[in-house]
Protein backbone atom coordinates (compact mmCIF):
# COMPACT_ATOMS: atom_id res chain seq x y z
CA UNK A 1 0.00 0.00 0.00
CA UNK A 2 1.16 3.48 -0.71
CA UNK A 3 1.05 6.35 1.72
CA UNK A 4 -1.62 8.12 -0.31
CA UNK A 5 -3.92 5.10 -0.23
CA UNK A 6 -3.35 4.53 3.49
CA UNK A 7 -3.89 8.20 4.31
CA UNK A 8 -7.02 8.29 2.18
CA UNK A 9 -8.45 5.20 3.84
CA UNK A 10 -7.67 6.57 7.32
CA UNK A 11 -9.24 9.92 6.49
CA UNK A 12 -12.31 8.24 5.01
CA UNK A 13 -12.67 6.09 8.14
CA UNK A 14 -12.41 9.10 10.46
CA UNK A 15 -14.90 11.10 8.39
CA UNK A 16 -17.23 8.10 8.35
CA UNK A 17 -17.12 7.76 12.12
CA UNK A 18 -17.75 11.50 12.56
CA UNK A 19 -20.66 11.38 10.09
CA UNK A 20 -22.14 8.34 11.82
CA UNK A 21 -21.85 10.08 15.18
CA UNK A 22 -23.42 13.28 13.85
CA UNK A 23 -26.39 11.46 12.33
CA UNK A 24 -27.02 9.40 15.47
CA UNK A 25 -27.80 12.37 17.67
CA UNK A 26 -27.74 16.08 16.90
CA UNK A 27 -24.87 17.88 18.63
CA UNK A 28 -25.89 19.79 21.75
CA UNK A 29 -23.13 22.05 23.09
CA UNK A 30 -24.99 22.52 26.38
CA UNK A 31 -24.84 18.80 27.21
CA UNK A 32 -21.39 18.13 25.77
CA UNK A 33 -18.57 17.15 28.12
CA UNK A 34 -15.76 19.59 28.69
CA UNK A 35 -13.06 19.63 26.01
CA UNK A 36 -10.34 19.35 28.67
CA UNK A 37 -11.48 17.50 31.76
CA UNK A 38 -8.70 16.80 34.22
CA UNK A 39 -11.03 15.16 36.72
CA UNK A 40 -14.56 15.20 37.99
CA UNK A 41 -14.04 18.14 40.34
CA UNK A 42 -15.02 16.01 43.32
CA UNK A 43 -12.65 15.60 46.27
CA UNK A 44 -10.84 12.31 46.53
CA UNK A 45 -12.23 9.55 48.68
CA UNK A 46 -10.51 6.33 49.58
CA UNK A 47 -6.91 5.37 49.26
CA UNK A 48 -4.31 5.31 46.55
CA UNK A 49 -2.60 1.99 46.01
CA UNK A 50 0.74 3.61 45.16
CA UNK A 51 0.83 5.76 48.31
CA UNK A 52 3.71 5.07 50.68
CA UNK A 53 2.68 3.91 54.17
CA UNK A 54 3.35 6.30 57.03
C-alpha atoms as a PDB file:
ATOM      1  CA  UNK A   1       0.000   0.000   0.000  1.00  0.00           C
ATOM      2  CA  UNK A   2       1.164   3.478  -0.713  1.00  0.00           C
ATOM      3  CA  UNK A   3       1.049   6.350   1.723  1.00  0.00           C
ATOM      4  CA  UNK A   4      -1.617   8.118  -0.308  1.00  0.00           C
ATOM      5  CA  UNK A   5      -3.916   5.099  -0.229  1.00  0.00           C
ATOM      6  CA  UNK A   6      -3.354   4.526   3.487  1.00  0.00           C
ATOM      7  CA  UNK A   7      -3.892   8.202   4.315  1.00  0.00           C
ATOM      8  CA  UNK A   8      -7.023   8.294   2.177  1.00  0.00           C
ATOM      9  CA  UNK A   9      -8.448   5.205   3.844  1.00  0.00           C
ATOM     10  CA  UNK A  10      -7.671   6.565   7.317  1.00  0.00           C
ATOM     11  CA  UNK A  11      -9.243   9.925   6.492  1.00  0.00           C
ATOM     12  CA  UNK A  12     -12.311   8.237   5.006  1.00  0.00           C
ATOM     13  CA  UNK A  13     -12.666   6.093   8.136  1.00  0.00           C
ATOM     14  CA  UNK A  14     -12.407   9.098  10.462  1.00  0.00           C
ATOM     15  CA  UNK A  15     -14.896  11.097   8.394  1.00  0.00           C
ATOM     16  CA  UNK A  16     -17.233   8.100   8.353  1.00  0.00           C
ATOM     17  CA  UNK A  17     -17.117   7.762  12.125  1.00  0.00           C
ATOM     18  CA  UNK A  18     -17.753  11.504  12.555  1.00  0.00           C
ATOM     19  CA  UNK A  19     -20.657  11.377  10.086  1.00  0.00           C
ATOM     20  CA  UNK A  20     -22.139   8.341  11.819  1.00  0.00           C
ATOM     21  CA  UNK A  21     -21.852  10.082  15.176  1.00  0.00           C
ATOM     22  CA  UNK A  22     -23.423  13.285  13.848  1.00  0.00           C
ATOM     23  CA  UNK A  23     -26.391  11.460  12.327  1.00  0.00           C
ATOM     24  CA  UNK A  24     -27.023   9.401  15.467  1.00  0.00           C
ATOM     25  CA  UNK A  25     -27.802  12.373  17.670  1.00  0.00           C
ATOM     26  CA  UNK A  26     -27.740  16.080  16.904  1.00  0.00           C
ATOM     27  CA  UNK A  27     -24.871  17.878  18.631  1.00  0.00           C
ATOM     28  CA  UNK A  28     -25.893  19.786  21.746  1.00  0.00           C
ATOM     29  CA  UNK A  29     -23.131  22.049  23.088  1.00  0.00           C
ATOM     30  CA  UNK A  30     -24.987  22.520  26.376  1.00  0.00           C
ATOM     31  CA  UNK A  31     -24.843  18.798  27.207  1.00  0.00           C
ATOM     32  CA  UNK A  32     -21.394  18.134  25.765  1.00  0.00           C
ATOM     33  CA  UNK A  33     -18.572  17.155  28.123  1.00  0.00           C
ATOM     34  CA  UNK A  34     -15.758  19.587  28.686  1.00  0.00           C
ATOM     35  CA  UNK A  35     -13.062  19.629  26.006  1.00  0.00           C
ATOM     36  CA  UNK A  36     -10.344  19.352  28.667  1.00  0.00           C
ATOM     37  CA  UNK A  37     -11.476  17.497  31.761  1.00  0.00           C
ATOM     38  CA  UNK A  38      -8.697  16.803  34.218  1.00  0.00           C
ATOM     39  CA  UNK A  39     -11.034  15.161  36.716  1.00  0.00           C
ATOM     40  CA  UNK A  40     -14.561  15.203  37.992  1.00  0.00           C
ATOM     41  CA  UNK A  41     -14.039  18.139  40.344  1.00  0.00           C
ATOM     42  CA  UNK A  42     -15.016  16.008  43.318  1.00  0.00           C
ATOM     43  CA  UNK A  43     -12.652  15.604  46.275  1.00  0.00           C
ATOM     44  CA  UNK A  44     -10.842  12.309  46.534  1.00  0.00           C
ATOM     45  CA  UNK A  45     -12.233   9.550  48.681  1.00  0.00           C
ATOM     46  CA  UNK A  46     -10.508   6.331  49.581  1.00  0.00           C
ATOM     47  CA  UNK A  47      -6.905   5.370  49.257  1.00  0.00           C
ATOM     48  CA  UNK A  48      -4.306   5.307  46.551  1.00  0.00           C
ATOM     49  CA  UNK A  49      -2.604   1.990  46.008  1.00  0.00           C
ATOM     50  CA  UNK A  50       0.736   3.606  45.161  1.00  0.00           C
ATOM     51  CA  UNK A  51       0.828   5.759  48.311  1.00  0.00           C
ATOM     52  CA  UNK A  52       3.710   5.075  50.684  1.00  0.00           C
ATOM     53  CA  UNK A  53       2.681   3.911  54.175  1.00  0.00           C
ATOM     54  CA  UNK A  54       3.347   6.303  57.032  1.00  0.00           C
END
